[in-house]
Amino acid sequence: MRRRLWVAQLWISERTAAKINGAHQLSAEEVRDAVECVAGLEFVWHLDEARGERAIVSTRIRGRSALAVLYDAGHPLGDVYWLGSVYFLDE
């Protein structure tokens, strides 16, 4: 059974925005458009010893398959995540 994730809000720090722009020429807005309020995002939980639990989310950006790494923001209303990174699968 595939798991689905709902992201009501995606928070992206200035540092992460600069990282994804430099590494992949992606804007924060492009990533937000691919993840925030998009129904049916497939994901898996992954426990990283150094960084903690995170969701690895499958999405598409510019027609290319990508993975977004999201961390629960701990917002009281839920469904709010911080972007850790994003990667194109064909790189």
Protein backbone atom coordinates (compact mmCIF):
# COMPACT_ATOMS: atom_id res chain seq x y z
CA MET A 1 0.00 0.00 0.00
CA ARG A 2 1.37 3.38 -0.98
CA ARG A 3 1.41 6.10 1.64
CA ARG A 4 0.18 9.58 0.81
CA LEU A 5 1.23 12.84 2.44
CA TRP A 6 -0.57 16.16 2.63
CA VAL A 7 1.60 19.25 3.00
CA ALA A 8 -0.53 22.25 3.95
CA GLN A 9 2.51 24.51 4.28
CA LEU A 10 6.11 24.06 3.19
CA TRP A 11 8.60 26.25 4.97
CA ILE A 12 11.90 26.89 3.20
CA SER A 13 14.72 28.68 4.97
CA GLU A 14 16.87 31.21 3.11
CA ARG A 15 19.85 28.87 3.48
CA THR A 16 17.98 25.92 1.93
CA ALA A 17 16.59 28.13 -0.85
CA ALA A 18 20.14 29.21 -1.70
CA LYS A 19 21.34 25.59 -1.59
CA ILE A 20 18.70 24.26 -4.00
CA ASN A 21 19.13 27.23 -6.30
CA GLY A 22 22.89 26.74 -6.45
CA ALA A 23 22.84 22.96 -6.76
CA HIS A 24 19.83 22.48 -9.05
CA GLN A 25 18.84 25.97 -10.28
CA LEU A 26 15.49 25.53 -8.54
CA SER A 27 13.56 28.33 -6.92
CA ALA A 28 11.79 27.93 -3.61
CA GLU A 29 8.53 28.72 -5.43
CA GLU A 30 9.01 25.83 -7.87
CA VAL A 31 9.52 23.38 -5.03
CA ARG A 32 6.62 24.81 -3.05
CA ASP A 33 4.36 24.49 -6.14
CA ALA A 34 5.38 20.82 -6.50
CA VAL A 35 4.73 19.90 -2.85
CA GLU A 36 2.43 22.33 -1.05
CA CYS A 37 -1.30 21.50 -1.24
CA VAL A 38 -0.71 18.76 -3.82
CA ALA A 39 -3.02 15.80 -3.32
CA GLY A 40 -1.66 12.26 -3.38
CA LEU A 41 2.05 12.81 -2.80
CA GLU A 42 3.72 9.44 -2.30
CA PHE A 43 6.29 9.23 0.47
CA VAL A 44 8.20 7.05 2.88
CA TRP A 45 9.44 7.84 6.36
CA HIS A 46 13.19 7.62 6.78
CA LEU A 47 15.10 7.77 10.06
CA ASP A 48 18.50 9.41 9.72
CA GLU A 49 20.68 9.00 12.81
CA ALA A 50 22.08 12.53 12.54
CA ARG A 51 19.02 14.42 11.26
CA GLY A 52 16.09 12.50 12.71
CA GLU A 53 12.89 11.37 11.07
CA ARG A 54 12.04 12.80 7.69
CA ALA A 55 9.63 12.19 4.85
CA ILE A 56 11.08 11.41 1.44
CA VAL A 57 8.43 12.63 -1.00
CA SER A 58 8.11 11.78 -4.70
CA THR A 59 7.06 14.68 -6.90
CA ARG A 60 7.61 16.23 -10.31
CA ILE A 61 9.29 19.54 -11.05
CA ARG A 62 9.56 20.88 -14.61
CA GLY A 63 8.28 17.50 -15.80
CA ARG A 64 11.16 15.65 -14.11
CA SER A 65 10.89 13.16 -11.26
CA ALA A 66 12.26 14.51 -8.01
CA LEU A 67 12.53 13.63 -4.34
CA ALA A 68 11.92 16.23 -1.64
CA VAL A 69 13.22 15.70 1.88
CA LEU A 70 10.79 17.11 4.45
CA TYR A 71 11.00 17.49 8.22
CA ASP A 72 7.93 17.88 10.40
CA ALA A 73 7.80 21.49 11.60
CA GLY A 74 5.95 20.53 14.76
CA HIS A 75 3.21 23.04 14.01
CA PRO A 76 0.19 22.61 16.31
CA LEU A 77 -2.20 22.32 13.37
CA GLY A 78 -0.06 19.64 11.68
CA ASP A 79 0.75 19.11 8.00
CA VAL A 80 3.52 21.76 8.10
CA TYR A 81 7.03 20.76 7.02
CA TRP A 82 10.48 22.25 6.55
CA LEU A 83 12.26 21.52 3.29
CA GLY A 84 15.61 19.83 3.89
CA SER A 85 16.55 19.36 0.25
CA VAL A 86 15.30 18.32 -3.14
CA TYR A 87 16.92 16.14 -5.81
CA PHE A 88 16.16 15.31 -9.41
CA LEU A 89 16.24 11.55 -9.95
CA ASP A 90 17.91 11.82 -13.35
CA GLU A 91 21.01 13.68 -12.12
